[in-house]
PDB file of N, CA and C in Angstrom:
ATOM      1  N   UNK A   1       0.886  -1.100   0.191  1.00  0.00           N
ATOM      2  CA  UNK A   1       0.030   0.368   0.157  1.00  0.00           C
ATOM      3  C   UNK A   1       1.014   0.999   0.325  1.00  0.00           C
ATOM      4  N   UNK A   2       0.553   2.198  -0.891  1.00  0.00           N
ATOM      5  CA  UNK A   2       1.250   3.376  -0.644  1.00  0.00           C
ATOM      6  C   UNK A   2       1.094   4.091   0.658  1.00  0.00           C
ATOM      7  N   UNK A   3       1.352   5.575   0.916  1.00  0.00           N
ATOM      8  CA  UNK A   3       1.617   6.020   2.228  1.00  0.00           C
ATOM      9  C   UNK A   3       0.353   6.654   2.687  1.00  0.00           C
ATOM     10  N   UNK A   4      -0.876   6.103   2.024  1.00  0.00           N
ATOM     11  CA  UNK A   4      -2.073   6.787   2.660  1.00  0.00           C
ATOM     12  C   UNK A   4      -1.849   6.441   4.549  1.00  0.00           C
ATOM     13  N   UNK A   5      -2.840   7.388   5.213  1.00  0.00           N
ATOM     14  CA  UNK A   5      -2.744   6.966   6.375  1.00  0.00           C
ATOM     15  C   UNK A   5      -4.656   7.544   6.821  1.00  0.00           C
ATOM     16  N   UNK A   6      -4.950   7.002   7.696  1.00  0.00           N
ATOM     17  CA  UNK A   6      -6.270   7.279   8.611  1.00  0.00           C
ATOM     18  C   UNK A   6      -5.890   7.877   9.730  1.00  0.00           C
ATOM     19  N   UNK A   7      -6.613   9.103   9.798  1.00  0.00           N
ATOM     20  CA  UNK A   7      -6.658   9.512  11.106  1.00  0.00           C
ATOM     21  C   UNK A   7      -7.914   9.171  11.904  1.00  0.00           C
ATOM     22  N   UNK A   8      -8.172   8.749  13.059  1.00  0.00           N
ATOM     23  CA  UNK A   8      -9.011   8.026  13.786  1.00  0.00           C
ATOM     24  C   UNK A   8      -9.373   8.960  15.038  1.00  0.00           C
ATOM     25  N   UNK A   9     -10.358   9.494  15.386  1.00  0.00           N
ATOM     26  CA  UNK A   9     -10.801  10.271  16.488  1.00  0.00           C
ATOM     27  C   UNK A   9     -11.993   9.491  17.046  1.00  0.00           C
ATOM     28  N   UNK A  10     -12.069   9.398  18.327  1.00  0.00           N
ATOM     29  CA  UNK A  10     -13.048   8.768  19.116  1.00  0.00           C
ATOM     30  C   UNK A  10     -13.537   9.871  20.252  1.00  0.00           C
ATOM     31  N   UNK A  11     -14.866   9.946  20.196  1.00  0.00           N
ATOM     32  CA  UNK A  11     -15.356  10.626  21.504  1.00  0.00           C
ATOM     33  C   UNK A  11     -16.778  10.670  22.035  1.00  0.00           C
ATOM     34  N   UNK A  12     -17.048  11.403  22.833  1.00  0.00           N
ATOM     35  CA  UNK A  12     -18.560  11.180  23.380  1.00  0.00           C
ATOM     36  C   UNK A  12     -18.848  12.952  23.131  1.00  0.00           C
ATOM     37  N   UNK A  13     -20.208  13.300  22.470  1.00  0.00           N
ATOM     38  CA  UNK A  13     -20.691  14.452  22.597  1.00  0.00           C
ATOM     39  C   UNK A  13     -21.120  14.823  24.117  1.00  0.00           C
ATOM     40  N   UNK A  14     -20.928  16.499  24.270  1.00  0.00           N
ATOM     41  CA  UNK A  14     -21.533  16.864  25.608  1.00  0.00           C
ATOM     42  C   UNK A  14     -22.906  16.127  25.380  1.00  0.00           C
ATOM     43  N   UNK A  15     -23.552  16.409  26.813  1.00  0.00           N
ATOM     44  CA  UNK A  15     -25.026  16.076  26.803  1.00  0.00           C
ATOM     45  C   UNK A  15     -25.881  16.701  26.386  1.00  0.00           C
ATOM     46  N   UNK A  16     -26.880  16.230  25.750  1.00  0.00           N
ATOM     47  CA  UNK A  16     -28.122  16.904  25.018  1.00  0.00           C
ATOM     48  C   UNK A  16     -27.499  16.931  23.454  1.00  0.00           C
ATOM     49  N   UNK A  17     -26.462  16.741  23.180  1.00  0.00           N
ATOM     50  CA  UNK A  17     -26.559  16.984  21.989  1.00  0.00           C
ATOM     51  C   UNK A  17     -26.340  15.649  21.104  1.00  0.00           C
ATOM     52  N   UNK A  18     -26.808  16.003  19.512  1.00  0.00           N
ATOM     53  CA  UNK A  18     -26.973  14.808  18.809  1.00  0.00           C
ATOM     54  C   UNK A  18     -25.788  14.898  17.754  1.00  0.00           C
ATOM     55  N   UNK A  19     -25.673  13.754  16.859  1.00  0.00           N
ATOM     56  CA  UNK A  19     -25.043  13.851  15.795  1.00  0.00           C
ATOM     57  C   UNK A  19     -24.934  14.552  14.779  1.00  0.00           C
ATOM     58  N   UNK A  20     -26.397  14.851  14.864  1.00  0.00           N
ATOM     59  CA  UNK A  20     -26.877  15.877  13.814  1.00  0.00           C
ATOM     60  C   UNK A  20     -26.431  17.720  14.252  1.00  0.00           C
ATOM     61  N   UNK A  21     -26.527  17.698  15.399  1.00  0.00           N
ATOM     62  CA  UNK A  21     -25.535  18.919  16.074  1.00  0.00           C
ATOM     63  C   UNK A  21     -23.968  18.769  15.903  1.00  0.00           C
ATOM     64  N   UNK A  22     -23.449  17.484  15.734  1.00  0.00           N
ATOM     65  CA  UNK A  22     -22.185  17.829  15.577  1.00  0.00           C
ATOM     66  C   UNK A  22     -21.787  17.936  14.349  1.00  0.00           C
ATOM     67  N   UNK A  23     -22.440  17.453  13.228  1.00  0.00           N
ATOM     68  CA  UNK A  23     -22.177  17.607  11.969  1.00  0.00           C
ATOM     69  C   UNK A  23     -22.751  19.265  11.526  1.00  0.00           C
ATOM     70  N   UNK A  24     -23.729  19.892  12.214  1.00  0.00           N
ATOM     71  CA  UNK A  24     -23.521  21.480  11.929  1.00  0.00           C
ATOM     72  C   UNK A  24     -22.576  22.202  12.684  1.00  0.00           C
ATOM     73  N   UNK A  25     -22.079  21.729  13.706  1.00  0.00           N
ATOM     74  CA  UNK A  25     -20.771  22.427  14.359  1.00  0.00           C
ATOM     75  C   UNK A  25     -19.481  22.397  13.751  1.00  0.00           C
ATOM     76  N   UNK A  26     -19.744  21.304  12.704  1.00  0.00           N
ATOM     77  CA  UNK A  26     -18.214  20.950  11.698  1.00  0.00           C
ATOM     78  C   UNK A  26     -18.570  21.627  10.661  1.00  0.00           C
ATOM     79  N   UNK A  27     -19.273  22.581  10.088  1.00  0.00           N
ATOM     80  CA  UNK A  27     -19.240  22.854   8.773  1.00  0.00           C
ATOM     81  C   UNK A  27     -18.185  23.999   8.256  1.00  0.00           C
ATOM     82  N   UNK A  28     -17.330  24.108   9.180  1.00  0.00           N
ATOM     83  CA  UNK A  28     -16.015  25.126   9.423  1.00  0.00           C
ATOM     84  C   UNK A  28     -14.982  24.203   8.934  1.00  0.00           C
ATOM     85  N   UNK A  29     -15.327  23.111   9.861  1.00  0.00           N
ATOM     86  CA  UNK A  29     -13.947  22.220   9.800  1.00  0.00           C
ATOM     87  C   UNK A  29     -13.730  21.304   8.424  1.00  0.00           C
ATOM     88  N   UNK A  30     -15.366  20.772   7.881  1.00  0.00           N
ATOM     89  CA  UNK A  30     -15.416  20.390   6.591  1.00  0.00           C
ATOM     90  C   UNK A  30     -14.828  21.411   5.564  1.00  0.00           C
ATOM     91  N   UNK A  31     -15.046  22.478   5.490  1.00  0.00           N
ATOM     92  CA  UNK A  31     -14.540  23.316   4.288  1.00  0.00           C
ATOM     93  C   UNK A  31     -13.404  23.470   4.462  1.00  0.00           C
ATOM     94  N   UNK A  32     -12.621  23.293   5.401  1.00  0.00           N
ATOM     95  CA  UNK A  32     -11.270  23.738   6.113  1.00  0.00           C
ATOM     96  C   UNK A  32     -10.631  22.637   5.487  1.00  0.00           C
ATOM     97  N   UNK A  33     -11.042  21.372   6.145  1.00  0.00           N
ATOM     98  CA  UNK A  33     -10.440  20.209   5.553  1.00  0.00           C
ATOM     99  C   UNK A  33      -9.973  19.588   4.100  1.00  0.00           C
ATOM    100  N   UNK A  34     -11.022  20.289   3.473  1.00  0.00           N
ATOM    101  CA  UNK A  34     -10.872  20.355   1.869  1.00  0.00           C
ATOM    102  C   UNK A  34      -9.960  21.141   1.183  1.00  0.00           C
ATOM    103  N   UNK A  35      -9.637  22.140   1.793  1.00  0.00           N
ATOM    104  CA  UNK A  35      -8.320  22.628   1.508  1.00  0.00           C
ATOM    105  C   UNK A  35      -6.971  22.521   1.904  1.00  0.00           C
ATOM    106  N   UNK A  36      -6.976  21.505   2.522  1.00  0.00           N
ATOM    107  CA  UNK A  36      -5.599  20.871   3.346  1.00  0.00           C
ATOM    108  C   UNK A  36      -5.061  19.695   2.194  1.00  0.00           C
ATOM    109  N   UNK A  37      -3.504  20.177   2.146  1.00  0.00           N
ATOM    110  CA  UNK A  37      -2.829  19.280   1.437  1.00  0.00           C
ATOM    111  C   UNK A  37      -2.861  17.834   1.951  1.00  0.00           C
ATOM    112  N   UNK A  38      -3.254  16.784   0.893  1.00  0.00           N
ATOM    113  CA  UNK A  38      -3.454  15.313   1.235  1.00  0.00           C
ATOM    114  C   UNK A  38      -4.572  14.960   1.753  1.00  0.00           C
ATOM    115  N   UNK A  39      -5.479  15.901   1.874  1.00  0.00           N
ATOM    116  CA  UNK A  39      -7.073  15.323   2.493  1.00  0.00           C
ATOM    117  C   UNK A  39      -7.838  14.413   1.240  1.00  0.00           C
ATOM    118  N   UNK A  40      -8.334  13.323   1.620  1.00  0.00           N
ATOM    119  CA  UNK A  40      -8.851  12.554   0.424  1.00  0.00           C
ATOM    120  C   UNK A  40     -10.197  12.576   1.150  1.00  0.00           C
ATOM    121  N   UNK A  41     -11.037  12.332   1.998  1.00  0.00           N
ATOM    122  CA  UNK A  41     -12.141  12.108   2.618  1.00  0.00           C
ATOM    123  C   UNK A  41     -12.189  11.686   4.297  1.00  0.00           C
ATOM    124  N   UNK A  42     -13.650  11.843   4.688  1.00  0.00           N
ATOM    125  CA  UNK A  42     -14.009  12.063   5.816  1.00  0.00           C
ATOM    126  C   UNK A  42     -15.070  11.140   5.956  1.00  0.00           C
ATOM    127  N   UNK A  43     -14.969  10.348   7.183  1.00  0.00           N
ATOM    128  CA  UNK A  43     -16.606   9.754   7.479  1.00  0.00           C
ATOM    129  C   UNK A  43     -16.746   9.763   9.047  1.00  0.00           C
ATOM    130  N   UNK A  44     -18.002   9.686   9.502  1.00  0.00           N
ATOM    131  CA  UNK A  44     -18.243   9.604  10.732  1.00  0.00           C
ATOM    132  C   UNK A  44     -19.293   8.928  11.203  1.00  0.00           C
ATOM    133  N   UNK A  45     -19.429   8.227  11.966  1.00  0.00           N
ATOM    134  CA  UNK A  45     -20.509   6.884  12.645  1.00  0.00           C
ATOM    135  C   UNK A  45     -20.621   7.308  13.714  1.00  0.00           C
ATOM    136  N   UNK A  46     -21.672   6.843  14.601  1.00  0.00           N
ATOM    137  CA  UNK A  46     -21.931   7.019  15.698  1.00  0.00           C
ATOM    138  C   UNK A  46     -22.326   5.304  16.167  1.00  0.00           C
ATOM    139  N   UNK A  47     -21.408   4.882  17.235  1.00  0.00           N
ATOM    140  CA  UNK A  47     -21.558   3.580  17.597  1.00  0.00           C
ATOM    141  C   UNK A  47     -23.073   3.509  18.695  1.00  0.00           C
ATOM    142  N   UNK A  48     -23.101   1.892  18.655  1.00  0.00           N
ATOM    143  CA  UNK A  48     -24.555   2.180  19.638  1.00  0.00           C
ATOM    144  C   UNK A  48     -24.694   2.455  20.750  1.00  0.00           C
ATOM    145  N   UNK A  49     -23.093   2.613  21.503  1.00  0.00           N
ATOM    146  CA  UNK A  49     -23.084   3.264  22.668  1.00  0.00           C
ATOM    147  C   UNK A  49     -23.049   4.706  22.832  1.00  0.00           C
ATOM    148  N   UNK A  50     -23.053   5.283  21.828  1.00  0.00           N
ATOM    149  CA  UNK A  50     -22.797   6.545  21.687  1.00  0.00           C
ATOM    150  C   UNK A  50     -21.899   7.413  21.532  1.00  0.00           C
ATOM    151  N   UNK A  51     -20.575   6.727  21.258  1.00  0.00           N
ATOM    152  CA  UNK A  51     -19.743   7.435  20.715  1.00  0.00           C
ATOM    153  C   UNK A  51     -19.505   7.071  19.272  1.00  0.00           C
ATOM    154  N   UNK A  52     -18.966   8.792  19.436  1.00  0.00           N
ATOM    155  CA  UNK A  52     -18.661   9.416  17.718  1.00  0.00           C
ATOM    156  C   UNK A  52     -17.558   8.438  17.398  1.00  0.00           C
ATOM    157  N   UNK A  53     -17.132   8.113  15.901  1.00  0.00           N
ATOM    158  CA  UNK A  53     -15.943   7.930  15.731  1.00  0.00           C
ATOM    159  C   UNK A  53     -15.793   8.661  14.104  1.00  0.00           C
ATOM    160  N   UNK A  54     -14.735   9.643  14.361  1.00  0.00           N
ATOM    161  CA  UNK A  54     -14.230  10.383  13.106  1.00  0.00           C
ATOM    162  C   UNK A  54     -13.335  10.174  12.513  1.00  0.00           C
ATOM    163  N   UNK A  55     -13.532   9.475  10.749  1.00  0.00           N
ATOM    164  CA  UNK A  55     -12.256   9.210  10.250  1.00  0.00           C
ATOM    165  C   UNK A  55     -11.764   9.994   9.471  1.00  0.00           C
ATOM    166  N   UNK A  56     -10.761  10.176   8.934  1.00  0.00           N
ATOM    167  CA  UNK A  56     -10.187  11.324   7.933  1.00  0.00           C
ATOM    168  C   UNK A  56      -8.862  10.391   7.131  1.00  0.00           C
ATOM    169  N   UNK A  57      -9.521   9.847   5.901  1.00  0.00           N
ATOM    170  CA  UNK A  57      -8.220   9.713   4.958  1.00  0.00           C
ATOM    171  C   UNK A  57      -7.454  10.724   4.126  1.00  0.00           C
ATOM    172  N   UNK A  58      -6.078  10.546   4.636  1.00  0.00           N
ATOM    173  CA  UNK A  58      -4.812  11.230   4.212  1.00  0.00           C
ATOM    174  C   UNK A  58      -4.246  10.637   3.064  1.00  0.00           C
ATOM    175  N   UNK A  59      -3.449  11.028   2.455  1.00  0.00           N
ATOM    176  CA  UNK A  59      -2.313  10.838   1.216  1.00  0.00           C
ATOM    177  C   UNK A  59      -1.080  10.415   2.463  1.00  0.00           C
ATOM    178  N   UNK A  60      -0.992  10.922   3.212  1.00  0.00           N
ATOM    179  CA  UNK A  60       0.016  10.665   4.602  1.00  0.00           C
ATOM    180  C   UNK A  60       0.167  10.950   5.749  1.00  0.00           C
ATOM    181  N   UNK A  61       0.730  10.061   6.375  1.00  0.00           N
ATOM    182  CA  UNK A  61       0.341  10.457   7.963  1.00  0.00           C
ATOM    183  C   UNK A  61       1.123  11.702   8.541  1.00  0.00           C
ATOM    184  N   UNK A  62       2.273  12.021   7.507  1.00  0.00           N
ATOM    185  CA  UNK A  62       2.743  13.451   7.599  1.00  0.00           C
ATOM    186  C   UNK A  62       1.543  14.543   7.646  1.00  0.00           C
ATOM    187  N   UNK A  63       1.227  14.536   6.285  1.00  0.00           N
ATOM    188  CA  UNK A  63      -0.186  15.457   6.075  1.00  0.00           C
ATOM    189  C   UNK A  63      -1.204  15.352   7.105  1.00  0.00           C
ATOM    190  N   UNK A  64      -1.482  14.429   8.008  1.00  0.00           N
ATOM    191  CA  UNK A  64      -2.326  13.998   8.951  1.00  0.00           C
ATOM    192  C   UNK A  64      -2.063  14.514   9.959  1.00  0.00           C
ATOM    193  N   UNK A  65      -1.022  14.393  10.756  1.00  0.00           N
ATOM    194  CA  UNK A  65      -0.642  15.252  11.866  1.00  0.00           C
ATOM    195  C   UNK A  65      -0.187  16.564  11.499  1.00  0.00           C
ATOM    196  N   UNK A  66       0.298  17.204  10.507  1.00  0.00           N
ATOM    197  CA  UNK A  66       0.139  18.246  10.581  1.00  0.00           C
ATOM    198  C   UNK A  66      -0.936  18.885  10.626  1.00  0.00           C
ATOM    199  N   UNK A  67      -1.932  18.640   9.730  1.00  0.00           N
ATOM    200  CA  UNK A  67      -3.066  19.174   9.570  1.00  0.00           C
ATOM    201  C   UNK A  67      -3.629  19.103  10.971  1.00  0.00           C
ATOM    202  N   UNK A  68      -3.963  18.097  11.393  1.00  0.00           N
ATOM    203  CA  UNK A  68      -4.201  18.071  13.281  1.00  0.00           C
ATOM    204  C   UNK A  68      -3.565  18.976  13.925  1.00  0.00           C
ATOM    205  N   UNK A  69      -2.730  19.397  13.924  1.00  0.00           N
ATOM    206  CA  UNK A  69      -1.664  20.630  14.803  1.00  0.00           C
ATOM    207  C   UNK A  69      -2.150  21.548  14.478  1.00  0.00           C
ATOM    208  N   UNK A  70      -2.563  22.143  12.929  1.00  0.00           N
ATOM    209  CA  UNK A  70      -2.994  23.317  12.394  1.00  0.00           C
ATOM    210  C   UNK A  70      -4.172  23.389  12.797  1.00  0.00           C
ATOM    211  N   UNK A  71      -5.066  22.596  12.847  1.00  0.00           N
ATOM    212  CA  UNK A  71      -6.494  22.433  12.920  1.00  0.00           C
ATOM    213  C   UNK A  71      -6.529  23.315  14.347  1.00  0.00           C
ATOM    214  N   UNK A  72      -6.066  22.763  15.198  1.00  0.00           N
ATOM    215  CA  UNK A  72      -6.231  23.074  16.747  1.00  0.00           C
ATOM    216  C   UNK A  72      -5.754  24.823  16.827  1.00  0.00           C
ATOM    217  N   UNK A  73      -5.162  25.348  15.959  1.00  0.00           N
ATOM    218  CA  UNK A  73      -4.754  26.584  15.949  1.00  0.00           C
ATOM    219  C   UNK A  73      -5.696  27.457  15.319  1.00  0.00           C
ATOM    220  N   UNK A  74      -5.843  27.144  14.061  1.00  0.00           N
ATOM    221  CA  UNK A  74      -6.570  28.030  12.942  1.00  0.00           C
ATOM    222  C   UNK A  74      -8.047  27.532  13.195  1.00  0.00           C
ATOM    223  N   UNK A  75      -8.729  26.429  13.798  1.00  0.00           N
ATOM    224  CA  UNK A  75      -9.975  26.713  14.032  1.00  0.00           C
ATOM    225  C   UNK A  75     -10.368  26.927  15.523  1.00  0.00           C
ATOM    226  N   UNK A  76      -9.143  27.259  16.460  1.00  0.00           N
ATOM    227  CA  UNK A  76      -9.353  27.174  18.103  1.00  0.00           C
ATOM    228  C   UNK A  76     -10.833  27.836  18.330  1.00  0.00           C
ATOM    229  N   UNK A  77     -11.495  28.679  17.575  1.00  0.00           N
ATOM    230  CA  UNK A  77     -12.725  29.195  18.227  1.00  0.00           C
ATOM    231  C   UNK A  77     -14.064  28.596  17.237  1.00  0.00           C
ATOM    232  N   UNK A  78     -13.825  27.224  16.562  1.00  0.00           N
ATOM    233  CA  UNK A  78     -14.390  26.565  15.930  1.00  0.00           C
ATOM    234  C   UNK A  78     -15.968  25.976  17.118  1.00  0.00           C
ATOM    235  N   UNK A  79     -17.094  26.278  16.612  1.00  0.00           N
ATOM    236  CA  UNK A  79     -17.955  25.554  17.915  1.00  0.00           C
ATOM    237  C   UNK A  79     -17.599  23.970  17.792  1.00  0.00           C
ATOM    238  N   UNK A  80     -16.929  23.347  17.142  1.00  0.00           N
ATOM    239  CA  UNK A  80     -17.130  22.244  17.053  1.00  0.00           C
ATOM    240  C   UNK A  80     -16.425  21.666  18.385  1.00  0.00           C
ATOM    241  N   UNK A  81     -15.605  22.481  18.875  1.00  0.00           N
ATOM    242  CA  UNK A  81     -14.696  22.198  20.106  1.00  0.00           C
ATOM    243  C   UNK A  81     -15.835  21.935  21.442  1.00  0.00           C
ATOM    244  N   UNK A  82     -16.675  22.951  21.273  1.00  0.00           N
ATOM    245  CA  UNK A  82     -17.646  22.882  22.264  1.00  0.00           C
ATOM    246  C   UNK A  82     -18.608  21.952  22.448  1.00  0.00           C
ATOM    247  N   UNK A  83     -18.733  20.948  21.371  1.00  0.00           N
ATOM    248  CA  UNK A  83     -19.493  19.992  21.407  1.00  0.00           C
ATOM    249  C   UNK A  83     -19.010  18.609  21.431  1.00  0.00           C
ATOM    250  N   UNK A  84     -18.018  18.413  21.803  1.00  0.00           N
ATOM    251  CA  UNK A  84     -17.025  17.158  22.470  1.00  0.00           C
ATOM    252  C   UNK A  84     -16.995  17.193  23.802  1.00  0.00           C
ATOM    253  N   UNK A  85     -16.991  16.171  24.474  1.00  0.00           N
ATOM    254  CA  UNK A  85     -16.791  16.060  25.805  1.00  0.00           C
ATOM    255  C   UNK A  85     -15.308  15.672  25.426  1.00  0.00           C
ATOM    256  N   UNK A  86     -14.364  16.704  25.761  1.00  0.00           N
ATOM    257  CA  UNK A  86     -12.716  16.639  26.154  1.00  0.00           C
ATOM    258  C   UNK A  86     -12.335  15.226  26.251  1.00  0.00           C
ATOM    259  N   UNK A  87     -12.849  14.829  27.636  1.00  0.00           N
ATOM    260  CA  UNK A  87     -12.123  13.942  28.554  1.00  0.00           C
ATOM    261  C   UNK A  87     -12.292  12.487  27.759  1.00  0.00           C
ATOM    262  N   UNK A  88     -13.290  12.609  26.719  1.00  0.00           N
ATOM    263  CA  UNK A  88     -13.731  11.356  26.492  1.00  0.00           C
ATOM    264  C   UNK A  88     -13.111  10.941  25.061  1.00  0.00           C
ATOM    265  N   UNK A  89     -11.892  12.116  24.436  1.00  0.00           N
ATOM    266  CA  UNK A  89     -10.821  11.895  23.154  1.00  0.00           C
ATOM    267  C   UNK A  89     -10.139  10.816  23.413  1.00  0.00           C
ATOM    268  N   UNK A  90     -10.192  10.302  21.693  1.00  0.00           N
ATOM    269  CA  UNK A  90      -8.794   9.140  21.534  1.00  0.00           C
ATOM    270  C   UNK A  90      -8.465   9.761  20.084  1.00  0.00           C
ATOM    271  N   UNK A  91      -7.398   9.856  20.173  1.00  0.00           N
ATOM    272  CA  UNK A  91      -6.569  10.335  18.516  1.00  0.00           C
ATOM    273  C   UNK A  91      -5.807   9.634  18.064  1.00  0.00           C
ATOM    274  N   UNK A  92      -5.617   9.423  17.177  1.00  0.00           N
ATOM    275  CA  UNK A  92      -4.419   8.321  16.386  1.00  0.00           C
ATOM    276  C   UNK A  92      -4.334   8.368  15.087  1.00  0.00           C
ATOM    277  N   UNK A  93      -3.183   8.367  14.501  1.00  0.00           N
ATOM    278  CA  UNK A  93      -2.757   8.708  13.116  1.00  0.00           C
ATOM    279  C   UNK A  93      -2.029   7.483  12.703  1.00  0.00           C
ATOM    280  N   UNK A  94      -2.809   6.171  11.462  1.00  0.00           N
ATOM    281  CA  UNK A  94      -1.865   5.253  11.175  1.00  0.00           C
ATOM    282  C   UNK A  94      -1.948   4.913   9.665  1.00  0.00           C
ATOM    283  N   UNK A  95      -0.747   4.424   9.442  1.00  0.00           N
ATOM    284  CA  UNK A  95      -0.717   4.230   8.045  1.00  0.00           C
ATOM    285  C   UNK A  95      -1.798   3.208   7.700  1.00  0.00           C
ATOM    286  N   UNK A  96      -2.208   2.938   6.185  1.00  0.00           N
ATOM    287  CA  UNK A  96      -3.300   1.897   5.610  1.00  0.00           C
ATOM    288  C   UNK A  96      -2.103   0.778   5.258  1.00  0.00           C
ATOM    289  N   UNK A  97      -2.579  -0.157   5.587  1.00  0.00           N
ATOM    290  CA  UNK A  97      -1.670  -1.162   5.158  1.00  0.00           C
ATOM    291  C   UNK A  97      -2.634  -2.099   3.956  1.00  0.00           C
ATOM    292  N   UNK A  98      -3.734  -1.504   3.989  1.00  0.00           N
ATOM    293  CA  UNK A  98      -4.691  -2.308   2.891  1.00  0.00           C
ATOM    294  C   UNK A  98      -6.244  -1.439   2.759  1.00  0.00           C
ATOM    295  N   UNK A  99      -6.431  -1.274   1.568  1.00  0.00           N
ATOM    296  CA  UNK A  99      -7.470  -0.459   1.236  1.00  0.00           C
ATOM    297  C   UNK A  99      -8.041  -1.295  -0.052  1.00  0.00           C
ATOM    298  N   UNK A 100     -10.018  -1.718  -0.162  1.00  0.00           N
ATOM    299  CA  UNK A 100     -10.286  -2.219  -1.463  1.00  0.00           C
ATOM    300  C   UNK A 100     -11.112  -0.894  -1.803  1.00  0.00           C
ATOM    301  N   UNK A 101     -10.483  -0.446  -2.884  1.00  0.00           N
ATOM    302  CA  UNK A 101     -11.266   0.654  -3.825  1.00  0.00           C
ATOM    303  C   UNK A 101     -12.754   0.689  -4.088  1.00  0.00           C
TER     304      UNK A 101
END
């Protein structure tokens, strides 16, 4: 497999918020991601226990890590941060070793 990577973040939303609210809070993040070098796609799912899993495919792990670092600075005032229970966040970037197009 080439150098593609997946960024996986899991977390719970703050009490009273639904996935629809989270998607709305992400509008600035989605448009920002589309402009980032190496961005391929983004997928979000809600697990049966209420945990949100946010997955972003990147052309490389370097681009993923760079983007994540810059997002926290460039979008520090984004409403997305207020929607997440920060104590539940798990984040990782890992290289893909297999993908079926």
